[in-house]
Protein backbone atom coordinates (compact mmCIF):
# COMPACT_ATOMS: atom_id res chain seq x y z
CA MET A 1 172.44 -49.40 112.81
CA THR A 2 172.30 -46.22 110.80
CA PRO A 3 168.96 -44.39 111.01
CA LYS A 4 166.82 -45.04 107.95
CA LYS A 5 166.78 -42.42 105.23
CA PRO A 6 163.50 -40.58 104.59
CA ARG A 7 161.57 -41.80 101.57
CA PRO A 8 161.12 -39.44 98.61
CA LYS A 9 157.64 -39.08 97.14
CA ALA A 10 158.50 -41.18 94.05
CA LEU A 11 161.19 -43.78 93.37
CA PRO A 12 162.13 -45.79 90.26
CA GLY A 13 161.65 -49.53 90.45
CA ILE A 14 160.88 -52.80 88.69
CA THR A 15 158.11 -55.29 89.44
CA TYR A 16 158.93 -58.95 88.81
CA GLU A 17 156.31 -61.65 88.32
CA MET A 18 157.78 -64.73 89.99
CA LYS A 19 156.33 -68.24 89.72
CA THR A 20 156.54 -70.40 92.85
CA HIS A 21 154.86 -73.57 94.09
CA CYS A 22 152.49 -71.29 96.01
CA GLY A 23 151.47 -69.52 92.79
CA LYS A 24 152.57 -66.20 91.34
CA ILE A 25 154.06 -63.50 93.52
CA TYR A 26 154.93 -59.98 92.47
CA VAL A 27 158.15 -58.51 93.85
CA THR A 28 158.75 -54.78 93.39
CA VAL A 29 162.26 -53.51 94.04
CA THR A 30 162.98 -49.77 94.08
CA SER A 31 166.15 -47.71 94.23
CA ASP A 32 166.88 -44.28 95.61
CA LEU A 33 167.86 -41.38 93.38
CA SER A 34 171.53 -42.47 93.49
CA GLY A 35 170.57 -45.94 92.17
CA LYS A 36 171.00 -47.82 95.46
CA MET A 37 168.36 -50.48 96.23
CA CYS A 38 166.13 -49.15 99.01
CA GLU A 39 162.75 -50.94 99.09
CA VAL A 40 161.15 -54.31 98.46
CA PHE A 41 157.41 -54.97 98.19
CA VAL A 42 155.88 -58.45 97.89
CA ARG A 43 152.33 -59.22 96.76
CA PHE A 44 150.74 -62.61 96.26
CA GLY A 45 148.70 -63.27 93.12
CA ARG A 46 145.74 -63.84 95.39
CA ALA A 47 144.62 -61.64 98.25
CA GLY A 48 144.72 -62.23 101.98
CA GLY A 49 145.93 -65.07 104.09
CA CYS A 50 148.72 -65.63 106.55
CA GLY A 51 151.38 -65.88 103.84
CA ALA A 52 150.51 -62.43 102.51
CA ALA A 53 150.75 -60.97 106.02
CA ILE A 54 154.11 -62.64 106.66
CA PHE A 55 155.52 -61.30 103.39
CA ASP A 56 154.19 -57.82 104.17
CA GLY A 57 156.24 -57.96 107.37
CA LEU A 58 159.30 -59.33 105.55
CA ALA A 59 159.10 -56.57 102.93
CA LYS A 60 158.80 -53.86 105.59
CA LEU A 61 161.81 -55.25 107.45
CA LEU A 62 163.87 -55.55 104.24
CA SER A 63 162.97 -52.01 103.20
CA TYR A 64 163.86 -50.63 106.63
CA ALA A 65 167.20 -52.47 106.58
CA LEU A 66 168.02 -51.32 103.03
CA ARG A 67 167.20 -47.70 103.85
CA SER A 68 169.39 -48.03 106.96
CA GLY A 69 172.42 -49.13 104.96
CA MET A 70 172.15 -52.92 104.72
CA ASP A 71 174.04 -54.32 101.73
CA PRO A 72 171.45 -55.90 99.36
CA ALA A 73 173.87 -58.81 98.77
CA ASP A 74 173.59 -59.71 102.47
CA ALA A 75 169.78 -59.86 102.20
CA VAL A 76 169.99 -61.99 99.04
CA LYS A 77 172.44 -64.36 100.74
CA SER A 78 170.17 -64.67 103.80
CA LEU A 79 167.04 -65.44 101.75
CA SER A 80 168.66 -67.76 99.19
CA GLY A 81 168.60 -71.52 99.63
CA ILE A 82 165.79 -71.69 102.19
CA SER A 83 163.62 -74.78 101.62
CA CYS A 84 160.03 -75.60 102.47
CA GLN A 85 157.87 -78.64 101.68
CA HIS A 86 158.07 -77.57 98.02
CA GLY A 87 161.86 -77.54 98.01
CA GLN A 88 163.71 -74.41 96.95
CA ASP A 89 161.03 -73.29 94.46
CA ASN A 90 159.45 -71.11 97.13
CA CYS A 91 158.55 -67.49 97.82
CA LEU A 92 161.67 -66.58 99.83
CA ASN A 93 163.96 -67.73 97.04
CA ALA A 94 161.81 -65.83 94.53
CA VAL A 95 162.28 -62.61 96.53
CA ALA A 96 166.05 -63.26 96.64
CA GLU A 97 166.09 -63.92 92.89
CA ALA A 98 164.26 -60.65 92.13
CA MET A 99 166.64 -58.71 94.38
CA ARG A 100 169.67 -60.40 92.78
CA ASP A 101 168.39 -59.58 89.29
CA TYR A 102 167.71 -55.96 90.25
CA SER A 103 171.22 -55.66 91.71
CA THR A 104 172.85 -56.86 88.51
CA ARG A 105 170.83 -54.80 86.01
CA GLU A 106 172.65 -52.18 84.01
């Protein structure tokens, strides 16, 4: 894997409010100065809990992979279609949807 690129002090991005069966989550996607997606942050509408910790880890791993050259489409494909007891209206699909939307913006 390519070493991750250093992070500039400020990056442009968009925060999406996503509704899931677990409540609202906020997904922030940023791009580097060339416009390439490079970070993902996930925050639950409520603080704390195991889910918030798991998504912190997921966001760190996604950001590391993106800054190391991972194609965002591969991340979207990996996260899309995962089901839980609530079906596909879940947090992982919401993260994939936000990343997909960010990738297709003009």
